[in-house]
Amino acid sequence: MSEKKTSEMSFEEAMRELESVVSQLESGDVELEASIKLYERGAELKKRCEQKLKEAEEKVAAITLDESGQPKGTTPVEGL
């Protein structure tokens, strides 16, 4: 398990670690206390992945099209 803060992780980093956490939890070979810590870390990683996906969706939604349907630029999206 990485000690990197989830707030500093890219989507791909968070997703890889989340997959590892899920795999460890599904194996059933982890002691109770370790399982609790893994679950908590998994919840943080899930939240980070959702945040990064939302940011990406907002960026895509900000792309404007010209009359012919071709991308011509972006419009500002508040909070980005």
PDB file of N, CA and C in Angstrom:
ATOM      1  N   MET A   1       0.855  -1.175   0.000  1.00  0.00           N
ATOM      2  CA  MET A   1       0.000   0.000   0.000  1.00  0.00           C
ATOM      3  C   MET A   1       0.897   1.233   0.000  1.00  0.00           C
ATOM      4  N   SER A   2       0.586   2.173  -0.864  1.00  0.00           N
ATOM      5  CA  SER A   2       1.362   3.401  -1.009  1.00  0.00           C
ATOM      6  C   SER A   2       1.102   4.330   0.167  1.00  0.00           C
ATOM      7  N   GLU A   3       2.122   5.096   0.497  1.00  0.00           N
ATOM      8  CA  GLU A   3       1.966   6.096   1.553  1.00  0.00           C
ATOM      9  C   GLU A   3       1.697   7.470   0.946  1.00  0.00           C
ATOM     10  N   LYS A   4       1.617   7.537  -0.390  1.00  0.00           N
ATOM     11  CA  LYS A   4       1.370   8.794  -1.079  1.00  0.00           C
ATOM     12  C   LYS A   4      -0.033   9.283  -0.756  1.00  0.00           C
ATOM     13  N   LYS A   5      -0.158  10.580  -0.531  1.00  0.00           N
ATOM     14  CA  LYS A   5      -1.473  11.155  -0.259  1.00  0.00           C
ATOM     15  C   LYS A   5      -2.345  11.015  -1.498  1.00  0.00           C
ATOM     16  N   THR A   6      -3.590  10.658  -1.289  1.00  0.00           N
ATOM     17  CA  THR A   6      -4.489  10.486  -2.431  1.00  0.00           C
ATOM     18  C   THR A   6      -4.665  11.803  -3.181  1.00  0.00           C
ATOM     19  N   SER A   7      -4.598  12.920  -2.485  1.00  0.00           N
ATOM     20  CA  SER A   7      -4.780  14.224  -3.134  1.00  0.00           C
ATOM     21  C   SER A   7      -3.661  14.537  -4.123  1.00  0.00           C
ATOM     22  N   GLU A   8      -2.557  13.805  -4.049  1.00  0.00           N
ATOM     23  CA  GLU A   8      -1.424  14.020  -4.942  1.00  0.00           C
ATOM     24  C   GLU A   8      -1.382  12.991  -6.075  1.00  0.00           C
ATOM     25  N   MET A   9      -2.335  12.069  -6.085  1.00  0.00           N
ATOM     26  CA  MET A   9      -2.313  10.983  -7.055  1.00  0.00           C
ATOM     27  C   MET A   9      -3.052  11.341  -8.338  1.00  0.00           C
ATOM     28  N   SER A  10      -2.532  10.804  -9.434  1.00  0.00           N
ATOM     29  CA  SER A  10      -3.260  10.888 -10.695  1.00  0.00           C
ATOM     30  C   SER A  10      -4.389   9.861 -10.641  1.00  0.00           C
ATOM     31  N   PHE A  11      -5.295   9.943 -11.604  1.00  0.00           N
ATOM     32  CA  PHE A  11      -6.374   8.966 -11.683  1.00  0.00           C
ATOM     33  C   PHE A  11      -5.804   7.560 -11.804  1.00  0.00           C
ATOM     34  N   GLU A  12      -4.800   7.415 -12.687  1.00  0.00           N
ATOM     35  CA  GLU A  12      -4.228   6.097 -12.947  1.00  0.00           C
ATOM     36  C   GLU A  12      -3.546   5.508 -11.710  1.00  0.00           C
ATOM     37  N   GLU A  13      -2.830   6.335 -10.971  1.00  0.00           N
ATOM     38  CA  GLU A  13      -2.179   5.858  -9.742  1.00  0.00           C
ATOM     39  C   GLU A  13      -3.217   5.395  -8.723  1.00  0.00           C
ATOM     40  N   ALA A  14      -4.235   6.218  -8.535  1.00  0.00           N
ATOM     41  CA  ALA A  14      -5.279   5.890  -7.565  1.00  0.00           C
ATOM     42  C   ALA A  14      -6.028   4.622  -7.973  1.00  0.00           C
ATOM     43  N   MET A  15      -6.290   4.472  -9.251  1.00  0.00           N
ATOM     44  CA  MET A  15      -7.016   3.297  -9.725  1.00  0.00           C
ATOM     45  C   MET A  15      -6.189   2.029  -9.535  1.00  0.00           C
ATOM     46  N   ARG A  16      -4.891   2.095  -9.843  1.00  0.00           N
ATOM     47  CA  ARG A  16      -4.026   0.917  -9.650  1.00  0.00           C
ATOM     48  C   ARG A  16      -3.992   0.499  -8.191  1.00  0.00           C
ATOM     49  N   GLU A  17      -3.832   1.478  -7.312  1.00  0.00           N
ATOM     50  CA  GLU A  17      -3.782   1.132  -5.888  1.00  0.00           C
ATOM     51  C   GLU A  17      -5.134   0.626  -5.402  1.00  0.00           C
ATOM     52  N   LEU A  18      -6.216   1.213  -5.893  1.00  0.00           N
ATOM     53  CA  LEU A  18      -7.552   0.752  -5.508  1.00  0.00           C
ATOM     54  C   LEU A  18      -7.754  -0.698  -5.936  1.00  0.00           C
ATOM     55  N   GLU A  19      -7.310  -1.044  -7.126  1.00  0.00           N
ATOM     56  CA  GLU A  19      -7.410  -2.431  -7.590  1.00  0.00           C
ATOM     57  C   GLU A  19      -6.620  -3.365  -6.679  1.00  0.00           C
ATOM     58  N   SER A  20      -5.458  -2.917  -6.224  1.00  0.00           N
ATOM     59  CA  SER A  20      -4.639  -3.722  -5.318  1.00  0.00           C
ATOM     60  C   SER A  20      -5.346  -3.917  -3.975  1.00  0.00           C
ATOM     61  N   VAL A  21      -5.939  -2.845  -3.470  1.00  0.00           N
ATOM     62  CA  VAL A  21      -6.667  -2.915  -2.196  1.00  0.00           C
ATOM     63  C   VAL A  21      -7.823  -3.900  -2.299  1.00  0.00           C
ATOM     64  N   VAL A  22      -8.587  -3.793  -3.372  1.00  0.00           N
ATOM     65  CA  VAL A  22      -9.734  -4.693  -3.567  1.00  0.00           C
ATOM     66  C   VAL A  22      -9.259  -6.140  -3.640  1.00  0.00           C
ATOM     67  N   SER A  23      -8.185  -6.366  -4.362  1.00  0.00           N
ATOM     68  CA  SER A  23      -7.646  -7.721  -4.492  1.00  0.00           C
ATOM     69  C   SER A  23      -7.244  -8.290  -3.130  1.00  0.00           C
ATOM     70  N   GLN A  24      -6.580  -7.478  -2.319  1.00  0.00           N
ATOM     71  CA  GLN A  24      -6.164  -7.934  -0.990  1.00  0.00           C
ATOM     72  C   GLN A  24      -7.374  -8.238  -0.113  1.00  0.00           C
ATOM     73  N   LEU A  25      -8.377  -7.372  -0.167  1.00  0.00           N
ATOM     74  CA  LEU A  25      -9.570  -7.591   0.646  1.00  0.00           C
ATOM     75  C   LEU A  25     -10.334  -8.832   0.182  1.00  0.00           C
ATOM     76  N   GLU A  26     -10.406  -9.047  -1.115  1.00  0.00           N
ATOM     77  CA  GLU A  26     -11.121 -10.208  -1.637  1.00  0.00           C
ATOM     78  C   GLU A  26     -10.414 -11.521  -1.326  1.00  0.00           C
ATOM     79  N   SER A  27      -9.095 -11.460  -1.133  1.00  0.00           N
ATOM     80  CA  SER A  27      -8.346 -12.693  -0.863  1.00  0.00           C
ATOM     81  C   SER A  27      -8.736 -13.303   0.479  1.00  0.00           C
ATOM     82  N   GLY A  28      -9.146 -12.456   1.425  1.00  0.00           N
ATOM     83  CA  GLY A  28      -9.536 -12.953   2.738  1.00  0.00           C
ATOM     84  C   GLY A  28      -8.365 -13.341   3.622  1.00  0.00           C
ATOM     85  N   ASP A  29      -7.145 -13.053   3.162  1.00  0.00           N
ATOM     86  CA  ASP A  29      -5.947 -13.419   3.915  1.00  0.00           C
ATOM     87  C   ASP A  29      -5.405 -12.273   4.767  1.00  0.00           C
ATOM     88  N   VAL A  30      -6.192 -11.244   4.964  1.00  0.00           N
ATOM     89  CA  VAL A  30      -5.738 -10.070   5.703  1.00  0.00           C
ATOM     90  C   VAL A  30      -6.410 -10.061   7.073  1.00  0.00           C
ATOM     91  N   GLU A  31      -5.628  -9.769   8.101  1.00  0.00           N
ATOM     92  CA  GLU A  31      -6.172  -9.710   9.449  1.00  0.00           C
ATOM     93  C   GLU A  31      -7.172  -8.565   9.565  1.00  0.00           C
ATOM     94  N   LEU A  32      -8.017  -8.637  10.566  1.00  0.00           N
ATOM     95  CA  LEU A  32      -9.109  -7.686  10.738  1.00  0.00           C
ATOM     96  C   LEU A  32      -8.628  -6.240  10.757  1.00  0.00           C
ATOM     97  N   GLU A  33      -7.664  -5.908  11.587  1.00  0.00           N
ATOM     98  CA  GLU A  33      -7.185  -4.524  11.687  1.00  0.00           C
ATOM     99  C   GLU A  33      -6.621  -4.034  10.365  1.00  0.00           C
ATOM    100  N   ALA A  34      -5.870  -4.890   9.680  1.00  0.00           N
ATOM    101  CA  ALA A  34      -5.312  -4.530   8.379  1.00  0.00           C
ATOM    102  C   ALA A  34      -6.441  -4.357   7.359  1.00  0.00           C
ATOM    103  N   SER A  35      -7.470  -5.181   7.464  1.00  0.00           N
ATOM    104  CA  SER A  35      -8.620  -5.067   6.557  1.00  0.00           C
ATOM    105  C   SER A  35      -9.311  -3.724   6.725  1.00  0.00           C
ATOM    106  N   ILE A  36      -9.447  -3.301   7.963  1.00  0.00           N
ATOM    107  CA  ILE A  36     -10.089  -2.006   8.235  1.00  0.00           C
ATOM    108  C   ILE A  36      -9.276  -0.881   7.616  1.00  0.00           C
ATOM    109  N   LYS A  37      -7.948  -0.926   7.783  1.00  0.00           N
ATOM    110  CA  LYS A  37      -7.085   0.105   7.195  1.00  0.00           C
ATOM    111  C   LYS A  37      -7.150   0.074   5.673  1.00  0.00           C
ATOM    112  N   LEU A  38      -7.170  -1.121   5.103  1.00  0.00           N
ATOM    113  CA  LEU A  38      -7.289  -1.251   3.658  1.00  0.00           C
ATOM    114  C   LEU A  38      -8.618  -0.685   3.167  1.00  0.00           C
ATOM    115  N   TYR A  39      -9.690  -0.980   3.877  1.00  0.00           N
ATOM    116  CA  TYR A  39     -11.008  -0.479   3.493  1.00  0.00           C
ATOM    117  C   TYR A  39     -11.027   1.045   3.516  1.00  0.00           C
ATOM    118  N   GLU A  40     -10.449   1.636   4.572  1.00  0.00           N
ATOM    119  CA  GLU A  40     -10.400   3.092   4.681  1.00  0.00           C
ATOM    120  C   GLU A  40      -9.588   3.703   3.536  1.00  0.00           C
ATOM    121  N   ARG A  41      -8.443   3.076   3.226  1.00  0.00           N
ATOM    122  CA  ARG A  41      -7.609   3.553   2.116  1.00  0.00           C
ATOM    123  C   ARG A  41      -8.373   3.411   0.800  1.00  0.00           C
ATOM    124  N   GLY A  42      -9.068   2.314   0.634  1.00  0.00           N
ATOM    125  CA  GLY A  42      -9.864   2.106  -0.568  1.00  0.00           C
ATOM    126  C   GLY A  42     -10.935   3.164  -0.737  1.00  0.00           C
ATOM    127  N   ALA A  43     -11.568   3.561   0.351  1.00  0.00           N
ATOM    128  CA  ALA A  43     -12.593   4.599   0.293  1.00  0.00           C
ATOM    129  C   ALA A  43     -11.985   5.927  -0.151  1.00  0.00           C
ATOM    130  N   GLU A  44     -10.790   6.244   0.348  1.00  0.00           N
ATOM    131  CA  GLU A  44     -10.098   7.475  -0.056  1.00  0.00           C
ATOM    132  C   GLU A  44      -9.732   7.421  -1.540  1.00  0.00           C
ATOM    133  N   LEU A  45      -9.248   6.275  -1.981  1.00  0.00           N
ATOM    134  CA  LEU A  45      -8.857   6.116  -3.382  1.00  0.00           C
ATOM    135  C   LEU A  45     -10.071   6.212  -4.301  1.00  0.00           C
ATOM    136  N   LYS A  46     -11.175   5.614  -3.907  1.00  0.00           N
ATOM    137  CA  LYS A  46     -12.413   5.689  -4.692  1.00  0.00           C
ATOM    138  C   LYS A  46     -12.855   7.141  -4.839  1.00  0.00           C
ATOM    139  N   LYS A  47     -12.785   7.881  -3.753  1.00  0.00           N
ATOM    140  CA  LYS A  47     -13.172   9.285  -3.778  1.00  0.00           C
ATOM    141  C   LYS A  47     -12.270  10.072  -4.734  1.00  0.00           C
ATOM    142  N   ARG A  48     -10.971   9.784  -4.718  1.00  0.00           N
ATOM    143  CA  ARG A  48     -10.029  10.474  -5.603  1.00  0.00           C
ATOM    144  C   ARG A  48     -10.335  10.153  -7.066  1.00  0.00           C
ATOM    145  N   CYS A  49     -10.603   8.892  -7.365  1.00  0.00           N
ATOM    146  CA  CYS A  49     -10.934   8.505  -8.736  1.00  0.00           C
ATOM    147  C   CYS A  49     -12.195   9.223  -9.202  1.00  0.00           C
ATOM    148  N   GLU A  50     -13.206   9.277  -8.359  1.00  0.00           N
ATOM    149  CA  GLU A  50     -14.444   9.962  -8.712  1.00  0.00           C
ATOM    150  C   GLU A  50     -14.197  11.449  -8.963  1.00  0.00           C
ATOM    151  N   GLN A  51     -13.350  12.057  -8.127  1.00  0.00           N
ATOM    152  CA  GLN A  51     -13.026  13.481  -8.280  1.00  0.00           C
ATOM    153  C   GLN A  51     -12.331  13.735  -9.613  1.00  0.00           C
ATOM    154  N   LYS A  52     -11.337  12.905  -9.951  1.00  0.00           N
ATOM    155  CA  LYS A  52     -10.600  13.082 -11.198  1.00  0.00           C
ATOM    156  C   LYS A  52     -11.508  12.851 -12.404  1.00  0.00           C
ATOM    157  N   LEU A  53     -12.417  11.884 -12.327  1.00  0.00           N
ATOM    158  CA  LEU A  53     -13.362  11.657 -13.420  1.00  0.00           C
ATOM    159  C   LEU A  53     -14.297  12.844 -13.598  1.00  0.00           C
ATOM    160  N   LYS A  54     -14.758  13.413 -12.502  1.00  0.00           N
ATOM    161  CA  LYS A  54     -15.639  14.582 -12.577  1.00  0.00           C
ATOM    162  C   LYS A  54     -14.916  15.747 -13.224  1.00  0.00           C
ATOM    163  N   GLU A  55     -13.648  15.961 -12.854  1.00  0.00           N
ATOM    164  CA  GLU A  55     -12.865  17.030 -13.459  1.00  0.00           C
ATOM    165  C   GLU A  55     -12.742  16.818 -14.969  1.00  0.00           C
ATOM    166  N   ALA A  56     -12.487  15.597 -15.372  1.00  0.00           N
ATOM    167  CA  ALA A  56     -12.355  15.289 -16.799  1.00  0.00           C
ATOM    168  C   ALA A  56     -13.674  15.520 -17.530  1.00  0.00           C
ATOM    169  N   GLU A  57     -14.781  15.095 -16.926  1.00  0.00           N
ATOM    170  CA  GLU A  57     -16.092  15.304 -17.541  1.00  0.00           C
ATOM    171  C   GLU A  57     -16.386  16.791 -17.717  1.00  0.00           C
ATOM    172  N   GLU A  58     -16.019  17.599 -16.721  1.00  0.00           N
ATOM    173  CA  GLU A  58     -16.252  19.037 -16.804  1.00  0.00           C
ATOM    174  C   GLU A  58     -15.410  19.663 -17.918  1.00  0.00           C
ATOM    175  N   LYS A  59     -14.186  19.186 -18.078  1.00  0.00           N
ATOM    176  CA  LYS A  59     -13.334  19.706 -19.150  1.00  0.00           C
ATOM    177  C   LYS A  59     -13.908  19.353 -20.515  1.00  0.00           C
ATOM    178  N   VAL A  60     -14.387  18.131 -20.661  1.00  0.00           N
ATOM    179  CA  VAL A  60     -14.986  17.709 -21.932  1.00  0.00           C
ATOM    180  C   VAL A  60     -16.248  18.524 -22.204  1.00  0.00           C
ATOM    181  N   ALA A  61     -17.055  18.743 -21.178  1.00  0.00           N
ATOM    182  CA  ALA A  61     -18.289  19.504 -21.340  1.00  0.00           C
ATOM    183  C   ALA A  61     -18.010  20.956 -21.714  1.00  0.00           C
ATOM    184  N   ALA A  62     -16.823  21.461 -21.396  1.00  0.00           N
ATOM    185  CA  ALA A  62     -16.482  22.855 -21.672  1.00  0.00           C
ATOM    186  C   ALA A  62     -16.027  23.064 -23.113  1.00  0.00           C
ATOM    187  N   ILE A  63     -15.814  21.994 -23.857  1.00  0.00           N
ATOM    188  CA  ILE A  63     -15.385  22.142 -25.247  1.00  0.00           C
ATOM    189  C   ILE A  63     -16.559  22.675 -26.062  1.00  0.00           C
ATOM    190  N   THR A  64     -16.295  23.748 -26.814  1.00  0.00           N
ATOM    191  CA  THR A  64     -17.348  24.327 -27.642  1.00  0.00           C
ATOM    192  C   THR A  64     -17.138  23.908 -29.096  1.00  0.00           C
ATOM    193  N   LEU A  65     -18.227  23.845 -29.812  1.00  0.00           N
ATOM    194  CA  LEU A  65     -18.184  23.455 -31.214  1.00  0.00           C
ATOM    195  C   LEU A  65     -18.612  24.628 -32.093  1.00  0.00           C
ATOM    196  N   ASP A  66     -18.048  24.678 -33.313  1.00  0.00           N
ATOM    197  CA  ASP A  66     -18.485  25.701 -34.257  1.00  0.00           C
ATOM    198  C   ASP A  66     -19.732  25.220 -35.004  1.00  0.00           C
ATOM    199  N   GLU A  67     -20.161  25.986 -36.013  1.00  0.00           N
ATOM    200  CA  GLU A  67     -21.386  25.669 -36.742  1.00  0.00           C
ATOM    201  C   GLU A  67     -21.344  24.303 -37.413  1.00  0.00           C
ATOM    202  N   SER A  68     -20.141  23.859 -37.792  1.00  0.00           N
ATOM    203  CA  SER A  68     -20.016  22.572 -38.477  1.00  0.00           C
ATOM    204  C   SER A  68     -19.789  21.414 -37.511  1.00  0.00           C
ATOM    205  N   GLY A  69     -19.815  21.697 -36.220  1.00  0.00           N
ATOM    206  CA  GLY A  69     -19.647  20.646 -35.228  1.00  0.00           C
ATOM    207  C   GLY A  69     -18.201  20.343 -34.883  1.00  0.00           C
ATOM    208  N   GLN A  70     -17.286  21.185 -35.349  1.00  0.00           N
ATOM    209  CA  GLN A  70     -15.865  20.986 -35.060  1.00  0.00           C
ATOM    210  C   GLN A  70     -15.480  21.731 -33.783  1.00  0.00           C
ATOM    211  N   PRO A  71     -14.604  21.139 -32.950  1.00  0.00           N
ATOM    212  CA  PRO A  71     -14.166  21.844 -31.741  1.00  0.00           C
ATOM    213  C   PRO A  71     -13.482  23.160 -32.103  1.00  0.00           C
ATOM    214  N   LYS A  72     -13.868  24.240 -31.428  1.00  0.00           N
ATOM    215  CA  LYS A  72     -13.231  25.530 -31.704  1.00  0.00           C
ATOM    216  C   LYS A  72     -12.561  26.107 -30.461  1.00  0.00           C
ATOM    217  N   GLY A  73     -12.694  25.480 -29.348  1.00  0.00           N
ATOM    218  CA  GLY A  73     -12.067  25.980 -28.124  1.00  0.00           C
ATOM    219  C   GLY A  73     -12.848  25.515 -26.917  1.00  0.00           C
ATOM    220  N   THR A  74     -12.569  26.152 -25.827  1.00  0.00           N
ATOM    221  CA  THR A  74     -13.256  25.783 -24.601  1.00  0.00           C
ATOM    222  C   THR A  74     -13.875  27.024 -23.978  1.00  0.00           C
ATOM    223  N   THR A  75     -14.878  26.802 -23.194  1.00  0.00           N
ATOM    224  CA  THR A  75     -15.469  27.861 -22.404  1.00  0.00           C
ATOM    225  C   THR A  75     -15.039  27.654 -20.966  1.00  0.00           C
ATOM    226  N   PRO A  76     -14.830  28.724 -20.236  1.00  0.00           N
ATOM    227  CA  PRO A  76     -14.402  28.560 -18.840  1.00  0.00           C
ATOM    228  C   PRO A  76     -15.440  27.804 -18.023  1.00  0.00           C
ATOM    229  N   VAL A  77     -14.972  26.912 -17.187  1.00  0.00           N
ATOM    230  CA  VAL A  77     -15.836  26.187 -16.271  1.00  0.00           C
ATOM    231  C   VAL A  77     -15.404  26.589 -14.874  1.00  0.00           C
ATOM    232  N   GLU A  78     -16.332  27.097 -14.100  1.00  0.00           N
ATOM    233  CA  GLU A  78     -16.004  27.526 -12.746  1.00  0.00           C
ATOM    234  C   GLU A  78     -15.483  26.371 -11.924  1.00  0.00           C
ATOM    235  N   GLY A  79     -14.457  26.623 -11.100  1.00  0.00           N
ATOM    236  CA  GLY A  79     -13.934  25.621 -10.207  1.00  0.00           C
ATOM    237  C   GLY A  79     -12.802  24.793 -10.784  1.00  0.00           C
ATOM    238  N   LEU A  80     -12.428  25.020 -12.047  1.00  0.00           N
ATOM    239  CA  LEU A  80     -11.307  24.264 -12.616  1.00  0.00           C
ATOM    240  C   LEU A  80     -10.043  25.058 -12.524  1.00  0.00           C
TER     241      LEU A  80
END
